[in-house]
C-alpha atoms as a PDB file:
ATOM      1  CA  MET A   1       0.000   0.000   0.000  1.00  0.00           C
ATOM      2  CA  HIS A   2       2.842   2.351   0.820  1.00  0.00           C
ATOM      3  CA  ARG A   3       4.509   1.661  -2.523  1.00  0.00           C
ATOM      4  CA  HIS A   4       1.244   2.376  -4.331  1.00  0.00           C
ATOM      5  CA  HIS A   5       0.934   5.786  -2.679  1.00  0.00           C
ATOM      6  CA  ARG A   6       4.475   6.692  -3.611  1.00  0.00           C
ATOM      7  CA  ARG A   7       3.848   5.857  -7.237  1.00  0.00           C
ATOM      8  CA  SER A   8       0.695   7.958  -7.223  1.00  0.00           C
ATOM      9  CA  ARG A   9       2.568  10.953  -5.837  1.00  0.00           C
ATOM     10  CA  SER A  10       5.063  10.684  -8.691  1.00  0.00           C
ATOM     11  CA  LYS A  11       2.255  10.570 -11.240  1.00  0.00           C
ATOM     12  CA  ALA A  12       0.621  13.627  -9.723  1.00  0.00           C
ATOM     13  CA  THR A  13       3.922  15.528  -9.903  1.00  0.00           C
ATOM     14  CA  VAL A  14       4.357  14.656 -13.568  1.00  0.00           C
ATOM     15  CA  SER A  15       0.765  15.740 -14.275  1.00  0.00           C
ATOM     16  CA  LYS A  16       1.387  19.151 -12.713  1.00  0.00           C
ATOM     17  CA  LEU A  17       4.543  19.597 -14.785  1.00  0.00           C
ATOM     18  CA  GLU A  18       2.747  18.674 -17.986  1.00  0.00           C
ATOM     19  CA  LEU A  19      -0.073  21.054 -17.165  1.00  0.00           C
ATOM     20  CA  THR A  20       2.400  23.879 -16.635  1.00  0.00           C
ATOM     21  CA  ILE A  21       3.964  23.187 -20.034  1.00  0.00           C
ATOM     22  CA  PHE A  22       0.532  22.937 -21.590  1.00  0.00           C
ATOM     23  CA  ILE A  23      -0.675  26.265 -20.215  1.00  0.00           C
ATOM     24  CA  GLY A  24       2.438  28.100 -21.417  1.00  0.00           C
ATOM     25  CA  GLY A  25       2.234  26.521 -24.852  1.00  0.00           C
ATOM     26  CA  LEU A  26      -1.445  27.333 -25.214  1.00  0.00           C
ATOM     27  CA  ILE A  27      -0.905  31.014 -24.462  1.00  0.00           C
ATOM     28  CA  ALA A  28       1.993  31.131 -26.938  1.00  0.00           C
ATOM     29  CA  ALA A  29      -0.083  29.384 -29.601  1.00  0.00           C
ATOM     30  CA  VAL A  30      -3.015  31.772 -29.360  1.00  0.00           C
ATOM     31  CA  ILE A  31      -0.830  34.884 -29.354  1.00  0.00           C
ATOM     32  CA  ALA A  32       1.284  33.624 -32.251  1.00  0.00           C
ATOM     33  CA  GLY A  33      -1.822  32.733 -34.237  1.00  0.00           C
ATOM     34  CA  VAL A  34      -3.403  36.167 -33.785  1.00  0.00           C
ATOM     35  CA  VAL A  35      -0.189  37.937 -34.768  1.00  0.00           C
ATOM     36  CA  ALA A  36       0.217  35.702 -37.803  1.00  0.00           C
ATOM     37  CA  TYR A  37      -3.317  36.415 -39.036  1.00  0.00           C
ATOM     38  CA  GLN A  38      -2.745  40.143 -38.717  1.00  0.00           C
ATOM     39  CA  ILE A  39       0.480  39.954 -40.726  1.00  0.00           C
ATOM     40  CA  VAL A  40      -0.305  37.559 -43.554  1.00  0.00           C
ATOM     41  CA  GLY A  41      -4.048  36.958 -43.314  1.00  0.00           C
ATOM     42  CA  LEU A  42      -5.737  33.624 -42.835  1.00  0.00           C
ATOM     43  CA  TYR A  43      -5.134  32.538 -46.425  1.00  0.00           C
ATOM     44  CA  GLY A  44      -1.841  34.306 -46.992  1.00  0.00           C
ATOM     45  CA  ASP A  45      -3.493  37.368 -48.527  1.00  0.00           C
ATOM     46  CA  GLY A  46      -2.614  39.966 -45.896  1.00  0.00           C
ATOM     47  CA  PRO A  47      -0.854  43.268 -46.605  1.00  0.00           C
ATOM     48  CA  PHE A  48       2.639  41.735 -46.303  1.00  0.00           C
ATOM     49  CA  SER A  49       2.028  38.705 -48.494  1.00  0.00           C
ATOM     50  CA  TYR A  50       2.899  39.848 -52.009  1.00  0.00           C
ATOM     51  CA  GLY A  51       1.150  38.482 -55.079  1.00  0.00           C
ATOM     52  CA  TYR A  52      -2.061  37.463 -53.331  1.00  0.00           C
ATOM     53  CA  ARG A  53      -5.461  39.061 -53.729  1.00  0.00           C
ATOM     54  CA  ARG A  54      -9.036  37.967 -53.195  1.00  0.00           C
ATOM     55  CA  ILE A  55     -11.725  38.005 -55.892  1.00  0.00           C
ATOM     56  CA  ARG A  56     -15.382  36.964 -56.036  1.00  0.00           C
ATOM     57  CA  ASP A  57     -16.579  34.564 -58.683  1.00  0.00           C
ATOM     58  CA  PRO A  58     -19.316  36.489 -60.607  1.00  0.00           C
ATOM     59  CA  GLU A  59     -21.189  33.262 -61.403  1.00  0.00           C
ATOM     60  CA  THR A  60     -21.173  31.498 -58.020  1.00  0.00           C
ATOM     61  CA  GLY A  61     -20.522  34.464 -55.723  1.00  0.00           C
ATOM     62  CA  LYS A  62     -17.962  32.482 -53.735  1.00  0.00           C
ATOM     63  CA  SER A  63     -14.668  33.970 -52.607  1.00  0.00           C
ATOM     64  CA  LEU A  64     -11.542  32.892 -54.462  1.00  0.00           C
ATOM     65  CA  LEU A  65      -7.906  33.502 -53.639  1.00  0.00           C
ATOM     66  CA  VAL A  66      -5.648  34.516 -56.540  1.00  0.00           C
ATOM     67  CA  HIS A  67      -1.858  34.422 -56.576  1.00  0.00           C
ATOM     68  CA  GLU A  68       0.166  35.884 -59.435  1.00  0.00           C
ATOM     69  CA  SER A  69       3.905  35.452 -59.966  1.00  0.00           C
ATOM     70  CA  ARG A  70       6.338  35.862 -62.845  1.00  0.00           C
ATOM     71  CA  GLY A  71       7.942  32.736 -64.299  1.00  0.00           C
ATOM     72  CA  ALA A  72      11.527  32.334 -65.531  1.00  0.00           C
ATOM     73  CA  ASP A  73      10.424  33.208 -69.078  1.00  0.00           C
ATOM     74  CA  GLY A  74       8.785  36.426 -67.913  1.00  0.00           C
ATOM     75  CA  ARG A  75       5.214  35.256 -68.266  1.00  0.00           C
ATOM     76  CA  ILE A  76       2.695  35.895 -65.500  1.00  0.00           C
ATOM     77  CA  ILE A  77       1.530  32.733 -63.718  1.00  0.00           C
ATOM     78  CA  ARG A  78      -1.936  33.088 -62.214  1.00  0.00           C
ATOM     79  CA  ARG A  79      -3.251  30.576 -59.663  1.00  0.00           C
ATOM     80  CA  VAL A  80      -6.843  30.593 -58.431  1.00  0.00           C
ATOM     81  CA  ILE A  81      -7.530  28.811 -55.143  1.00  0.00           C
ATOM     82  CA  ASP A  82     -11.007  27.778 -54.055  1.00  0.00           C
ATOM     83  CA  ASN A  83     -11.102  28.498 -50.322  1.00  0.00           C
ATOM     84  CA  ARG A  84     -13.285  25.459 -49.737  1.00  0.00           C
ATOM     85  CA  THR A  85     -10.442  23.144 -50.777  1.00  0.00           C
ATOM     86  CA  LEU A  86      -7.895  24.777 -48.491  1.00  0.00           C
ATOM     87  CA  LYS A  87      -7.216  22.469 -45.534  1.00  0.00           C
ATOM     88  CA  GLU A  88      -4.086  23.839 -43.892  1.00  0.00           C
ATOM     89  CA  VAL A  89      -2.102  27.068 -43.709  1.00  0.00           C
ATOM     90  CA  ARG A  90       1.514  26.991 -42.544  1.00  0.00           C
ATOM     91  CA  LEU A  91       2.997  30.092 -40.981  1.00  0.00           C
ATOM     92  CA  ASP A  92       6.287  31.390 -39.645  1.00  0.00           C
ATOM     93  CA  ALA A  93       4.738  33.311 -36.774  1.00  0.00           C
ATOM     94  CA  ASP A  94       8.007  34.499 -35.222  1.00  0.00           C
ATOM     95  CA  THR A  95       9.625  35.259 -38.633  1.00  0.00           C
ATOM     96  CA  ASP A  96      12.760  33.205 -37.975  1.00  0.00           C
ATOM     97  CA  GLY A  97      12.573  31.415 -41.311  1.00  0.00           C
ATOM     98  CA  VAL A  98      11.058  28.228 -39.874  1.00  0.00           C
ATOM     99  CA  GLU A  99       7.381  27.283 -40.073  1.00  0.00           C
ATOM    100  CA  ASP A 100       6.139  26.985 -36.503  1.00  0.00           C
ATOM    101  CA  THR A 101       2.357  27.340 -36.755  1.00  0.00           C
ATOM    102  CA  ARG A 102      -0.203  25.311 -38.681  1.00  0.00           C
ATOM    103  CA  VAL A 103      -3.791  26.522 -39.008  1.00  0.00           C
ATOM    104  CA  HIS A 104      -6.282  23.816 -40.004  1.00  0.00           C
ATOM    105  CA  VAL A 105      -9.280  25.107 -41.921  1.00  0.00           C
ATOM    106  CA  SER A 106     -12.662  23.656 -42.825  1.00  0.00           C
ATOM    107  CA  GLY A 107     -14.317  25.903 -45.371  1.00  0.00           C
ATOM    108  CA  THR A 108     -13.620  29.328 -43.917  1.00  0.00           C
ATOM    109  CA  GLU A 109     -13.599  28.178 -40.281  1.00  0.00           C
ATOM    110  CA  ILE A 110     -10.495  27.549 -38.203  1.00  0.00           C
ATOM    111  CA  THR A 111     -10.771  24.118 -36.592  1.00  0.00           C
ATOM    112  CA  ARG A 112      -7.317  23.720 -35.038  1.00  0.00           C
ATOM    113  CA  ILE A 113      -4.090  25.629 -34.500  1.00  0.00           C
ATOM    114  CA  ASP A 114      -0.871  23.665 -34.009  1.00  0.00           C
ATOM    115  CA  GLN A 115       2.100  25.414 -32.440  1.00  0.00           C
ATOM    116  CA  ASP A 116       5.771  24.422 -32.288  1.00  0.00           C
ATOM    117  CA  ARG A 117       6.896  26.878 -29.646  1.00  0.00           C
ATOM    118  CA  ASP A 118      10.419  25.578 -29.056  1.00  0.00           C
ATOM    119  CA  GLY A 119      11.404  25.341 -32.723  1.00  0.00           C
ATOM    120  CA  ASP A 120      12.264  21.642 -32.700  1.00  0.00           C
ATOM    121  CA  GLY A 121       9.922  20.863 -35.599  1.00  0.00           C
ATOM    122  CA  ARG A 122       7.408  19.051 -33.382  1.00  0.00           C
ATOM    123  CA  ILE A 123       3.973  20.154 -32.205  1.00  0.00           C
ATOM    124  CA  ASP A 124       3.834  21.286 -28.584  1.00  0.00           C
ATOM    125  CA  VAL A 125       0.211  22.416 -28.372  1.00  0.00           C
ATOM    126  CA  ALA A 126      -2.837  21.848 -30.591  1.00  0.00           C
ATOM    127  CA  ALA A 127      -5.784  24.159 -29.861  1.00  0.00           C
ATOM    128  CA  TYR A 128      -9.212  23.010 -31.110  1.00  0.00           C
ATOM    129  CA  TYR A 129     -12.027  25.477 -31.932  1.00  0.00           C
ATOM    130  CA  ASP A 130     -15.758  25.120 -32.546  1.00  0.00           C
ATOM    131  CA  ALA A 131     -17.928  26.870 -35.149  1.00  0.00           C
ATOM    132  CA  ASN A 132     -18.275  29.855 -32.790  1.00  0.00           C
ATOM    133  CA  LYS A 133     -14.485  30.291 -32.687  1.00  0.00           C
ATOM    134  CA  GLN A 134     -14.443  29.222 -29.041  1.00  0.00           C
ATOM    135  CA  LEU A 135     -11.600  27.120 -27.696  1.00  0.00           C
ATOM    136  CA  VAL A 136     -12.960  23.629 -27.012  1.00  0.00           C
ATOM    137  CA  LYS A 137      -9.877  21.735 -25.891  1.00  0.00           C
ATOM    138  CA  ALA A 138      -6.116  21.778 -26.188  1.00  0.00           C
ATOM    139  CA  GLY A 139      -4.014  18.777 -27.137  1.00  0.00           C
ATOM    140  CA  PHE A 140      -0.456  18.161 -26.010  1.00  0.00           C
ATOM    141  CA  SER A 141       2.178  15.432 -25.937  1.00  0.00           C
ATOM    142  CA  LEU A 142       2.736  13.687 -22.616  1.00  0.00           C
ATOM    143  CA  ALA A 143       6.161  12.527 -23.819  1.00  0.00           C
ATOM    144  CA  GLY A 144       7.054  15.913 -25.314  1.00  0.00           C
ATOM    145  CA  ASP A 145       7.901  14.298 -28.651  1.00  0.00           C
ATOM    146  CA  GLY A 146       5.321  16.017 -30.851  1.00  0.00           C
ATOM    147  CA  VAL A 147       2.771  13.177 -30.844  1.00  0.00           C
ATOM    148  CA  VAL A 148      -0.452  14.628 -29.434  1.00  0.00           C
ATOM    149  CA  ASP A 149      -1.839  11.979 -27.090  1.00  0.00           C
ATOM    150  CA  ALA A 150      -3.727  13.991 -24.446  1.00  0.00           C
ATOM    151  CA  TRP A 151      -6.432  16.653 -24.551  1.00  0.00           C
ATOM    152  CA  ALA A 152      -7.293  19.088 -21.769  1.00  0.00           C
ATOM    153  CA  TYR A 153     -10.654  20.759 -21.125  1.00  0.00           C
ATOM    154  CA  ARG A 154     -11.232  23.856 -19.006  1.00  0.00           C
ATOM    155  CA  ASP A 155     -14.220  25.427 -17.325  1.00  0.00           C
ATOM    156  CA  ALA A 156     -15.378  29.027 -17.726  1.00  0.00           C
ATOM    157  CA  ASN A 157     -12.814  30.129 -15.131  1.00  0.00           C
ATOM    158  CA  GLY A 158      -9.909  28.530 -16.978  1.00  0.00           C
ATOM    159  CA  GLN A 159      -9.510  25.640 -14.532  1.00  0.00           C
ATOM    160  CA  ILE A 160      -8.616  22.195 -15.848  1.00  0.00           C
ATOM    161  CA  ILE A 161     -11.642  19.943 -15.372  1.00  0.00           C
ATOM    162  CA  LYS A 162     -10.796  16.945 -17.553  1.00  0.00           C
ATOM    163  CA  ILE A 163      -7.891  15.402 -19.443  1.00  0.00           C
ATOM    164  CA  GLU A 164      -8.416  12.665 -22.005  1.00  0.00           C
ATOM    165  CA  VAL A 165      -5.486  10.372 -22.799  1.00  0.00           C
ATOM    166  CA  SER A 166      -4.782   7.979 -25.660  1.00  0.00           C
ATOM    167  CA  ARG A 167      -2.262   5.619 -24.082  1.00  0.00           C
ATOM    168  CA  ARG A 168      -1.526   3.877 -27.377  1.00  0.00           C
ATOM    169  CA  ARG A 169      -1.125   7.317 -28.984  1.00  0.00           C
ATOM    170  CA  ASP A 170      -3.512   6.488 -31.829  1.00  0.00           C
ATOM    171  CA  ASN A 171      -6.133   9.217 -31.126  1.00  0.00           C
ATOM    172  CA  THR A 172      -8.419   6.708 -29.404  1.00  0.00           C
ATOM    173  CA  VAL A 173      -9.109   7.912 -25.868  1.00  0.00           C
ATOM    174  CA  ASP A 174      -8.913   5.151 -23.246  1.00  0.00           C
ATOM    175  CA  ARG A 175      -8.279   7.135 -20.059  1.00  0.00           C
ATOM    176  CA  TRP A 176     -10.328   9.998 -18.607  1.00  0.00           C
ATOM    177  CA  GLU A 177      -8.905  12.097 -15.755  1.00  0.00           C
ATOM    178  CA  TYR A 178     -11.246  14.394 -13.806  1.00  0.00           C
ATOM    179  CA  TYR A 179      -9.940  17.325 -11.759  1.00  0.00           C
ATOM    180  CA  GLU A 180     -11.423  19.330  -8.914  1.00  0.00           C
ATOM    181  CA  LYS A 181      -9.805  22.588  -7.826  1.00  0.00           C
ATOM    182  CA  GLY A 182      -6.680  21.721  -9.790  1.00  0.00           C
ATOM    183  CA  GLN A 183      -6.264  18.284  -8.186  1.00  0.00           C
ATOM    184  CA  LEU A 184      -6.764  14.878  -9.776  1.00  0.00           C
ATOM    185  CA  ALA A 185     -10.028  13.538  -8.273  1.00  0.00           C
ATOM    186  CA  ARG A 186     -10.881  10.408 -10.234  1.00  0.00           C
ATOM    187  CA  VAL A 187      -9.863   8.380 -13.259  1.00  0.00           C
ATOM    188  CA  GLU A 188     -11.886   6.168 -15.583  1.00  0.00           C
ATOM    189  CA  GLU A 189     -10.176   3.708 -17.927  1.00  0.00           C
ATOM    190  CA  ASP A 190     -10.986   1.334 -20.748  1.00  0.00           C
ATOM    191  CA  THR A 191      -7.977  -0.942 -20.387  1.00  0.00           C
ATOM    192  CA  ASP A 192      -9.025  -3.477 -23.042  1.00  0.00           C
ATOM    193  CA  ARG A 193     -10.336  -0.776 -25.419  1.00  0.00           C
ATOM    194  CA  ASP A 194     -13.663  -2.469 -26.048  1.00  0.00           C
ATOM    195  CA  GLY A 195     -15.593   0.787 -25.669  1.00  0.00           C
ATOM    196  CA  ARG A 196     -16.626   0.138 -22.038  1.00  0.00           C
ATOM    197  CA  LEU A 197     -15.068   1.344 -18.805  1.00  0.00           C
ATOM    198  CA  ASP A 198     -13.425  -1.387 -16.749  1.00  0.00           C
ATOM    199  CA  ARG A 199     -11.311   0.444 -14.167  1.00  0.00           C
ATOM    200  CA  TRP A 200     -12.215   3.263 -11.794  1.00  0.00           C
ATOM    201  CA  SER A 201      -9.824   5.068  -9.436  1.00  0.00           C
ATOM    202  CA  THR A 202     -10.508   7.672  -6.754  1.00  0.00           C
ATOM    203  CA  TYR A 203      -7.959  10.251  -5.560  1.00  0.00           C
ATOM    204  CA  GLU A 204      -7.733  12.664  -2.651  1.00  0.00           C
ATOM    205  CA  GLU A 205      -5.377  15.620  -3.092  1.00  0.00           C
ATOM    206  CA  GLY A 206      -3.821  13.775  -6.028  1.00  0.00           C
ATOM    207  CA  ILE A 207      -3.165  10.602  -4.008  1.00  0.00           C
ATOM    208  CA  LEU A 208      -4.764   7.306  -5.050  1.00  0.00           C
ATOM    209  CA  ILE A 209      -7.046   5.959  -2.312  1.00  0.00           C
ATOM    210  CA  ASN A 210      -9.309   3.466  -4.079  1.00  0.00           C
ATOM    211  CA  THR A 211      -9.454   1.410  -7.291  1.00  0.00           C
ATOM    212  CA  VAL A 212     -12.163  -0.966  -8.506  1.00  0.00           C
ATOM    213  CA  VAL A 213     -12.305  -3.017 -11.700  1.00  0.00           C
ATOM    214  CA  ASP A 214     -14.873  -4.801 -13.840  1.00  0.00           C
ATOM    215  CA  ALA A 215     -13.671  -8.409 -13.618  1.00  0.00           C
ATOM    216  CA  ASN A 216     -16.803  -9.947 -15.162  1.00  0.00           C
ATOM    217  CA  ASN A 217     -16.782  -7.544 -18.125  1.00  0.00           C
ATOM    218  CA  ASP A 218     -20.336  -6.261 -17.679  1.00  0.00           C
ATOM    219  CA  GLY A 219     -19.358  -2.588 -17.930  1.00  0.00           C
ATOM    220  CA  GLN A 220     -19.931  -1.924 -14.227  1.00  0.00           C
ATOM    221  CA  PRO A 221     -17.508  -1.844 -11.271  1.00  0.00           C
ATOM    222  CA  ASP A 222     -17.551  -5.023  -9.202  1.00  0.00           C
ATOM    223  CA  ALA A 223     -17.610  -2.887  -6.043  1.00  0.00           C
ATOM    224  CA  PRO A 224     -18.943   0.674  -6.231  1.00  0.00           C
ATOM    225  CA  PRO A 225     -16.336   3.413  -5.759  1.00  0.00           C
ATOM    226  CA  LYS A 226     -16.852   6.327  -3.406  1.00  0.00           C
ATOM    227  CA  TRP A 227     -18.384   8.455  -6.140  1.00  0.00           C
ATOM    228  CA  ALA A 228     -21.452   7.461  -8.140  1.00  0.00           C
ATOM    229  CA  VAL A 229     -20.663   5.880 -11.499  1.00  0.00           C
ATOM    230  CA  GLY A 230     -22.367   7.686 -14.354  1.00  0.00           C
ATOM    231  CA  SER A 231     -21.869   8.705 -17.944  1.00  0.00           C
ATOM    232  CA  ARG A 232     -18.683  10.512 -18.932  1.00  0.00           C
ATOM    233  CA  GLN A 233     -18.962  14.260 -19.284  1.00  0.00           C
END
């Protein structure tokens, strides 16, 4: 029992460190994204992006992006881009010559902003947005290697309330961590990845105090934990 508590303390410490990294990266990502849009525009057609201009198709009324450049033979090369087919915009937000920000677009809506804040060529933070341009969640790499395998959710006050984890790092969530007042309160897991929870853990001040499992594979804990089992939120 003593060894189990020690291990839990270590996990809690790592979680706090990751959250600190995540918060810093998220702030950097949002600021860098806003600055980048102001400089080059969402589709690269801002005042400092030469050769780009926007036109409206007289037949369909849809907005098109046009880029004109001069070829080696002196002829003008004109490219027309349908905004609806544009999926990703890559930016050098800090103007150091290296692309560090990727803006994912669906139609004319931003769905995700990826940020490489330390310049190592790997994503540190991925911020996800809904149709109302509100931040929904932020993804980060638990191993710090650029593979996004965890996603954090916040409440209206900016407090972490939930972290989802894909332990196999394949975008399939199999661990749900719930936080109260900044502390890990409980964890739900799908250890066999069959779509049903089979392990429940309860924490107090980040320390594991109780774990129950579903040994008969009926989707319910064999002994009820201290908190009522319900649907994930």
